[in-house]
Structures are given as C-alpha cells and as structure tokens.
Amino acid sequence: MFLQSLLGERLRRLSRRLGGSRARCAVGRSVLVIIWHLLADPEARYTDLGSVWHARKTDTDRRTRSLLNQLRALHPDSDITIAPAA
C-alpha cells in the first residue's frame, strides 16, 4: 500500500519495535492526522517526503556532532575529542 513513501517507511520502522497490528494502527492514525490537516486548511497540499526522509534526519555525522556538543555542555572544562575506531 505505502511501498516507497514516508508512511511505508514509518510502517516498517514501527513494525520492528511494536509489531504489525500496533504499527498499522499508528500509521492509520498518521493518515487520519494528514487527512484532518488537509480538510481543515483548503490551501494545504500533501507532499510525500519519501522513504529516505528518516535516513536523512538520522544522519550519523549530525548525531555524532549533536552528542559531542551535549557532552561538551555537560563538561565545559574538559577537552573532548573523538578518534576513529582502529
């Protein structure tokens, strides 16, 4: 049904954690929220973000930088560096 779409990827990601029926229920709710927003605003248009949206949002380099900044905020006096694994 949602093969190469944002909702399809959401279903696959949630199925791994929650199981099939709960994941389908969660994606169904997402569809209803999208429909509600489309009906509430006549100017709104649905644009599918694609199945790779989650992968772009969870970029490992971005996540590493974010976690490093959080660690530096917790320990401002220390010099924190990351070295690649050998």
N, C-alpha and C. Protein backbone atom coordinates (compact mmCIF):
# COMPACT_ATOMS: atom_id res chain seq x y z
N MET A 1 0.82 -1.19 0.00
CA MET A 1 0.00 0.00 0.00
C MET A 1 0.87 1.26 0.00
N PHE A 2 1.79 1.37 0.95
CA PHE A 2 2.65 2.56 1.06
C PHE A 2 4.09 2.17 0.71
N LEU A 3 4.32 1.60 -0.43
CA LEU A 3 5.61 0.99 -0.72
C LEU A 3 6.80 1.93 -0.52
N GLN A 4 6.95 2.91 -1.37
CA GLN A 4 8.12 3.80 -1.31
C GLN A 4 7.72 5.19 -0.85
N SER A 5 7.07 5.27 0.30
CA SER A 5 6.62 6.56 0.79
C SER A 5 7.06 6.74 2.25
N LEU A 6 6.84 7.92 2.75
CA LEU A 6 7.14 8.20 4.15
C LEU A 6 6.33 7.29 5.07
N LEU A 7 5.06 7.10 4.75
CA LEU A 7 4.20 6.27 5.59
C LEU A 7 4.61 4.80 5.52
N GLY A 8 5.05 4.35 4.36
CA GLY A 8 5.54 2.98 4.24
C GLY A 8 6.78 2.74 5.08
N GLU A 9 7.68 3.69 5.05
CA GLU A 9 8.90 3.58 5.86
C GLU A 9 8.55 3.65 7.34
N ARG A 10 7.59 4.50 7.69
CA ARG A 10 7.14 4.59 9.09
C ARG A 10 6.57 3.26 9.54
N LEU A 11 5.79 2.62 8.67
CA LEU A 11 5.22 1.31 9.00
C LEU A 11 6.32 0.28 9.22
N ARG A 12 7.32 0.27 8.35
CA ARG A 12 8.43 -0.68 8.51
C ARG A 12 9.22 -0.43 9.79
N ARG A 13 9.48 0.83 10.10
CA ARG A 13 10.25 1.15 11.30
C ARG A 13 9.47 0.79 12.56
N LEU A 14 8.18 1.12 12.59
CA LEU A 14 7.37 0.83 13.77
C LEU A 14 7.11 -0.67 13.93
N SER A 15 7.00 -1.39 12.82
CA SER A 15 6.76 -2.84 12.89
C SER A 15 7.88 -3.56 13.61
N ARG A 16 9.09 -3.09 13.42
CA ARG A 16 10.23 -3.73 14.10
C ARG A 16 10.14 -3.58 15.61
N ARG A 17 9.63 -2.43 16.07
CA ARG A 17 9.56 -2.18 17.51
C ARG A 17 8.26 -2.63 18.14
N LEU A 18 7.13 -2.35 17.47
CA LEU A 18 5.83 -2.54 18.09
C LEU A 18 5.10 -3.80 17.66
N GLY A 19 5.45 -4.34 16.53
CA GLY A 19 4.68 -5.44 15.98
C GLY A 19 3.74 -4.92 14.91
N GLY A 20 3.19 -5.84 14.12
CA GLY A 20 2.42 -5.47 12.95
C GLY A 20 1.15 -4.70 13.21
N SER A 21 0.29 -5.20 14.12
CA SER A 21 -1.01 -4.55 14.29
C SER A 21 -0.89 -3.17 14.94
N ARG A 22 -0.01 -3.03 15.91
CA ARG A 22 0.18 -1.71 16.54
C ARG A 22 0.79 -0.72 15.56
N ALA A 23 1.70 -1.20 14.74
CA ALA A 23 2.32 -0.32 13.74
C ALA A 23 1.28 0.14 12.73
N ARG A 24 0.43 -0.77 12.28
CA ARG A 24 -0.62 -0.39 11.33
C ARG A 24 -1.58 0.62 11.95
N CYS A 25 -1.89 0.44 13.22
CA CYS A 25 -2.76 1.38 13.92
C CYS A 25 -2.11 2.76 14.01
N ALA A 26 -0.82 2.81 14.31
CA ALA A 26 -0.10 4.08 14.42
C ALA A 26 -0.03 4.79 13.06
N VAL A 27 0.22 4.03 12.00
CA VAL A 27 0.28 4.62 10.66
C VAL A 27 -1.12 5.06 10.23
N GLY A 28 -2.14 4.31 10.60
CA GLY A 28 -3.51 4.72 10.32
C GLY A 28 -3.84 6.03 10.99
N ARG A 29 -3.37 6.21 12.21
CA ARG A 29 -3.58 7.48 12.90
C ARG A 29 -2.85 8.60 12.18
N SER A 30 -1.65 8.32 11.70
CA SER A 30 -0.90 9.33 10.94
C SER A 30 -1.67 9.74 9.69
N VAL A 31 -2.27 8.76 9.02
CA VAL A 31 -3.06 9.06 7.83
C VAL A 31 -4.25 9.95 8.20
N LEU A 32 -4.92 9.62 9.31
CA LEU A 32 -6.05 10.44 9.74
C LEU A 32 -5.64 11.87 10.09
N VAL A 33 -4.48 12.03 10.71
CA VAL A 33 -3.97 13.37 11.03
C VAL A 33 -3.70 14.15 9.75
N ILE A 34 -3.11 13.49 8.76
CA ILE A 34 -2.84 14.14 7.48
C ILE A 34 -4.16 14.57 6.83
N ILE A 35 -5.14 13.68 6.82
CA ILE A 35 -6.44 13.99 6.23
C ILE A 35 -7.10 15.15 6.96
N TRP A 36 -7.02 15.15 8.29
CA TRP A 36 -7.62 16.24 9.07
C TRP A 36 -7.00 17.58 8.70
N HIS A 37 -5.67 17.61 8.58
CA HIS A 37 -4.99 18.86 8.23
C HIS A 37 -5.36 19.30 6.82
N LEU A 38 -5.49 18.35 5.91
CA LEU A 38 -5.87 18.70 4.54
C LEU A 38 -7.30 19.24 4.46
N LEU A 39 -8.20 18.68 5.27
CA LEU A 39 -9.57 19.14 5.27
C LEU A 39 -9.74 20.46 6.02
N ALA A 40 -8.92 20.68 7.05
CA ALA A 40 -9.03 21.89 7.85
C ALA A 40 -8.52 23.12 7.11
N ASP A 41 -7.55 22.93 6.24
CA ASP A 41 -6.97 24.06 5.51
C ASP A 41 -7.11 23.81 4.01
N PRO A 42 -8.01 24.51 3.34
CA PRO A 42 -8.23 24.28 1.91
C PRO A 42 -6.99 24.57 1.05
N GLU A 43 -6.07 25.38 1.55
CA GLU A 43 -4.86 25.71 0.80
C GLU A 43 -3.77 24.63 0.94
N ALA A 44 -3.91 23.75 1.91
CA ALA A 44 -2.88 22.76 2.19
C ALA A 44 -2.84 21.70 1.08
N ARG A 45 -1.65 21.26 0.77
CA ARG A 45 -1.44 20.19 -0.20
C ARG A 45 -0.51 19.16 0.42
N TYR A 46 -0.78 17.90 0.17
CA TYR A 46 0.06 16.83 0.72
C TYR A 46 1.23 16.59 -0.21
N THR A 47 2.41 16.60 0.35
CA THR A 47 3.63 16.27 -0.39
C THR A 47 4.35 15.17 0.37
N ASP A 48 4.49 14.03 -0.27
CA ASP A 48 5.18 12.92 0.38
C ASP A 48 6.67 13.22 0.46
N LEU A 49 7.25 13.04 1.62
CA LEU A 49 8.66 13.35 1.84
C LEU A 49 9.58 12.23 1.34
N GLY A 50 9.03 11.08 1.05
CA GLY A 50 9.82 9.97 0.53
C GLY A 50 10.31 9.06 1.63
N SER A 51 10.69 7.86 1.22
CA SER A 51 11.08 6.84 2.18
C SER A 51 12.45 7.10 2.81
N VAL A 52 13.25 7.99 2.24
CA VAL A 52 14.59 8.24 2.77
C VAL A 52 14.61 9.42 3.74
N TRP A 53 13.46 9.99 4.05
CA TRP A 53 13.41 11.15 4.93
C TRP A 53 13.96 10.82 6.31
N HIS A 54 13.58 9.66 6.86
CA HIS A 54 14.07 9.28 8.19
C HIS A 54 15.58 9.07 8.16
N ALA A 55 16.09 8.50 7.09
CA ALA A 55 17.53 8.28 6.99
C ALA A 55 18.28 9.61 6.96
N ARG A 56 17.71 10.59 6.25
CA ARG A 56 18.36 11.91 6.22
C ARG A 56 18.29 12.59 7.57
N LYS A 57 17.18 12.41 8.28
CA LYS A 57 17.02 13.04 9.58
C LYS A 57 17.90 12.39 10.65
N THR A 58 18.26 11.14 10.47
CA THR A 58 19.07 10.44 11.45
C THR A 58 20.49 10.24 10.93
N ASP A 59 21.00 11.23 10.27
CA ASP A 59 22.36 11.20 9.74
C ASP A 59 23.34 10.97 10.89
N THR A 60 24.22 9.99 10.74
CA THR A 60 25.12 9.63 11.84
C THR A 60 26.12 10.74 12.16
N ASP A 61 26.58 11.47 11.15
CA ASP A 61 27.52 12.56 11.42
C ASP A 61 26.85 13.67 12.22
N ARG A 62 25.62 13.98 11.84
CA ARG A 62 24.87 15.01 12.57
C ARG A 62 24.63 14.57 14.00
N ARG A 63 24.27 13.31 14.18
CA ARG A 63 24.01 12.77 15.51
C ARG A 63 25.29 12.80 16.36
N THR A 64 26.42 12.47 15.76
CA THR A 64 27.70 12.50 16.47
C THR A 64 28.02 13.92 16.93
N ARG A 65 27.85 14.89 16.04
CA ARG A 65 28.12 16.28 16.41
C ARG A 65 27.20 16.74 17.53
N SER A 66 25.94 16.36 17.44
CA SER A 66 24.97 16.76 18.45
C SER A 66 25.33 16.18 19.81
N LEU A 67 25.67 14.90 19.84
CA LEU A 67 26.04 14.27 21.11
C LEU A 67 27.33 14.85 21.67
N LEU A 68 28.28 15.17 20.80
CA LEU A 68 29.53 15.81 21.25
C LEU A 68 29.24 17.18 21.87
N ASN A 69 28.36 17.93 21.25
CA ASN A 69 28.01 19.25 21.80
C ASN A 69 27.32 19.11 23.15
N GLN A 70 26.47 18.10 23.30
CA GLN A 70 25.82 17.85 24.59
C GLN A 70 26.84 17.48 25.65
N LEU A 71 27.80 16.65 25.28
CA LEU A 71 28.84 16.24 26.23
C LEU A 71 29.72 17.42 26.63
N ARG A 72 30.04 18.27 25.66
CA ARG A 72 30.84 19.47 25.97
C ARG A 72 30.06 20.43 26.87
N ALA A 73 28.74 20.49 26.69
CA ALA A 73 27.93 21.35 27.55
C ALA A 73 27.89 20.83 28.98
N LEU A 74 27.93 19.50 29.15
CA LEU A 74 27.94 18.92 30.49
C LEU A 74 29.28 19.09 31.18
N HIS A 75 30.37 19.06 30.39
CA HIS A 75 31.73 19.16 30.94
C HIS A 75 32.48 20.26 30.19
N PRO A 76 32.18 21.50 30.47
CA PRO A 76 32.80 22.59 29.71
C PRO A 76 34.31 22.74 29.93
N ASP A 77 34.82 22.23 31.06
CA ASP A 77 36.25 22.38 31.36
C ASP A 77 37.12 21.37 30.61
N SER A 78 36.56 20.23 30.22
CA SER A 78 37.38 19.19 29.59
C SER A 78 37.48 19.38 28.09
N ASP A 79 38.58 18.88 27.59
CA ASP A 79 38.82 18.89 26.15
C ASP A 79 38.41 17.54 25.59
N ILE A 80 37.32 17.50 24.85
CA ILE A 80 36.76 16.25 24.35
C ILE A 80 37.04 16.14 22.86
N THR A 81 37.67 15.06 22.46
CA THR A 81 37.91 14.78 21.04
C THR A 81 37.48 13.35 20.74
N ILE A 82 37.16 13.12 19.49
CA ILE A 82 36.74 11.80 19.04
C ILE A 82 37.78 11.30 18.03
N ALA A 83 38.23 10.08 18.22
CA ALA A 83 39.17 9.47 17.29
C ALA A 83 38.47 8.29 16.61
N PRO A 84 38.74 8.07 15.32
CA PRO A 84 38.11 6.94 14.64
C PRO A 84 38.55 5.62 15.25
N ALA A 85 37.67 4.64 15.19
CA ALA A 85 37.99 3.32 15.75
C ALA A 85 39.08 2.66 14.92
N ALA A 86 39.95 1.96 15.57
CA ALA A 86 41.07 1.31 14.88
C ALA A 86 40.65 0.06 14.17
